[in-house]
Amino acid sequence: MIAHDYVVEWEGEPIGSIRKAFASVVEAAGLGWYDENGKFETDITPHVLRHTAATWLMQNGASLSTAADFCGMTEAVLRATYWHHHPDFQAEAAHLVTAKAPALKAKSNVVRFG
C-alpha cells in the first residue's frame, strides 16, 4: 500500500500548482495552437477534461452513480448535464412512439355472468 501526505506530491514534497505540468502535457498532445509570436495557446483546462470524462462515461452506458462518483459530482448534476449522451436517454419514449398501439376492445352488448 502506498501512503501519501499530500493530494499531489512529487518525491514526498507537495505540489502547489500543476499549471506548468498541465500546460506541457496539453502542448505535447497538440491540444492548442501557436500564435503569431510562436507562443503556445490553448483553451483546454482540467475542467474541460472532466466534461470529456463525464460525456464518455455516459456514451459508454455507465450508471449514474458510477459516473457521478468518478467525476466527483452528484447524480442530479450528472443527469441534468450529461444524461442526453447516455444510450438509454429517451429509449423508453422512442420505443413507445414507434410501438404498435394496443388493440381496442370491441364493444359488446352481451352480459356475461360467472
Protein backbone atom coordinates (compact mmCIF):
# COMPACT_ATOMS: atom_id res chain seq x y z
CA MET A 1 0.00 0.00 0.00
CA ILE A 2 1.23 3.49 -0.83
CA ALA A 3 0.67 6.29 1.67
CA HIS A 4 0.89 9.93 0.71
CA ASP A 5 0.81 13.01 2.88
CA TYR A 6 -0.45 15.32 0.11
CA VAL A 7 -3.09 15.05 -2.59
CA VAL A 8 -0.50 15.84 -5.27
CA GLU A 9 3.16 15.34 -4.47
CA TRP A 10 6.50 14.69 -6.13
CA GLU A 11 9.24 12.89 -4.22
CA GLY A 12 7.42 13.50 -0.94
CA GLU A 13 7.02 17.24 -1.43
CA PRO A 14 3.64 18.92 -2.02
CA ILE A 15 2.90 20.32 -5.45
CA GLY A 16 1.33 23.75 -5.10
CA SER A 17 0.31 24.15 -8.73
CA ILE A 18 0.06 21.83 -11.69
CA ARG A 19 -0.21 24.63 -14.26
CA LYS A 20 3.21 24.20 -15.86
CA ALA A 21 2.98 20.43 -15.99
CA PHE A 22 -0.57 20.52 -17.35
CA ALA A 23 0.40 23.11 -19.97
CA SER A 24 3.34 20.93 -21.06
CA VAL A 25 1.13 17.87 -21.43
CA VAL A 26 -1.53 19.79 -23.35
CA GLU A 27 1.11 21.16 -25.72
CA ALA A 28 2.69 17.73 -26.20
CA ALA A 29 -0.76 16.33 -27.04
CA GLY A 30 -1.28 19.06 -29.64
CA LEU A 31 -4.39 20.44 -27.93
CA GLY A 32 -3.86 24.05 -28.87
CA TRP A 33 -2.20 26.36 -31.36
CA TYR A 34 0.72 28.74 -31.70
CA ASP A 35 0.05 32.46 -32.01
CA GLU A 36 1.87 34.77 -34.41
CA ASN A 37 4.72 35.13 -31.88
CA GLY A 38 5.19 31.37 -31.54
CA LYS A 39 3.61 31.24 -28.07
CA PHE A 40 1.51 28.15 -27.40
CA GLU A 41 -2.16 28.91 -26.68
CA THR A 42 -4.92 26.55 -25.58
CA ASP A 43 -8.42 26.59 -24.18
CA ILE A 44 -8.03 23.15 -22.57
CA THR A 45 -8.27 23.07 -18.77
CA PRO A 46 -8.59 20.23 -16.27
CA HIS A 47 -12.28 21.14 -16.07
CA VAL A 48 -12.67 20.54 -19.82
CA LEU A 49 -11.25 17.05 -19.28
CA ARG A 50 -13.86 16.49 -16.55
CA HIS A 51 -16.58 17.28 -19.10
CA THR A 52 -14.96 14.88 -21.56
CA ALA A 53 -14.81 12.10 -18.96
CA ALA A 54 -18.45 12.58 -17.97
CA THR A 55 -19.56 12.58 -21.62
CA TRP A 56 -17.57 9.44 -22.45
CA LEU A 57 -18.85 7.64 -19.36
CA MET A 58 -22.44 8.41 -20.38
CA GLN A 59 -21.85 7.44 -24.03
CA ASN A 60 -20.49 4.10 -22.87
CA GLY A 61 -23.53 3.37 -20.71
CA ALA A 62 -22.07 3.89 -17.24
CA SER A 63 -24.57 4.02 -14.40
CA LEU A 64 -25.32 7.43 -12.95
CA SER A 65 -23.79 6.50 -9.60
CA THR A 66 -20.56 5.15 -11.13
CA ALA A 67 -20.08 8.19 -13.37
CA ALA A 68 -21.01 10.70 -10.66
CA ASP A 69 -18.60 9.13 -8.19
CA PHE A 70 -15.78 9.08 -10.76
CA CYS A 71 -16.32 12.71 -11.77
CA GLY A 72 -16.92 13.99 -8.25
CA MET A 73 -20.40 15.35 -8.88
CA THR A 74 -23.90 14.49 -7.75
CA GLU A 75 -26.15 12.21 -9.76
CA ALA A 76 -28.58 15.12 -10.15
CA VAL A 77 -25.92 17.32 -11.77
CA LEU A 78 -24.76 14.45 -13.96
CA ARG A 79 -28.32 13.66 -15.10
CA ALA A 80 -29.14 17.31 -15.80
CA THR A 81 -25.93 17.98 -17.73
CA TYR A 82 -24.83 14.74 -19.39
CA TRP A 83 -27.72 12.24 -19.45
CA HIS A 84 -28.57 13.09 -23.06
CA HIS A 85 -25.32 11.35 -24.06
CA HIS A 86 -26.41 8.05 -22.47
CA PRO A 87 -27.65 5.25 -24.80
CA ASP A 88 -30.78 4.89 -22.63
CA PHE A 89 -31.69 8.57 -22.98
CA GLN A 90 -35.31 8.62 -24.15
CA ALA A 91 -35.11 4.91 -25.03
CA GLU A 92 -38.50 4.23 -23.46
CA ALA A 93 -40.08 7.19 -25.27
CA ALA A 94 -38.56 6.07 -28.58
CA HIS A 95 -39.91 2.57 -28.05
CA LEU A 96 -43.38 3.79 -27.14
CA VAL A 97 -43.67 6.26 -30.01
CA THR A 98 -42.80 3.53 -32.52
CA ALA A 99 -44.73 0.70 -30.86
CA LYS A 100 -48.00 -0.60 -32.24
CA ALA A 101 -50.96 0.77 -30.30
CA PRO A 102 -52.81 -1.80 -28.20
CA ALA A 103 -55.88 -3.28 -29.87
CA LEU A 104 -59.10 -1.60 -28.86
CA LYS A 105 -61.66 -3.80 -27.16
CA ALA A 106 -64.77 -4.28 -29.26
CA LYS A 107 -67.96 -3.07 -27.63
CA SER A 108 -70.38 -5.81 -26.79
CA ASN A 109 -73.97 -5.81 -25.65
CA VAL A 110 -73.63 -9.31 -24.25
CA VAL A 111 -73.71 -9.55 -20.47
CA ARG A 112 -71.64 -12.37 -19.08
CA PHE A 113 -72.28 -14.00 -15.72
CA GLY A 114 -69.84 -16.08 -13.83
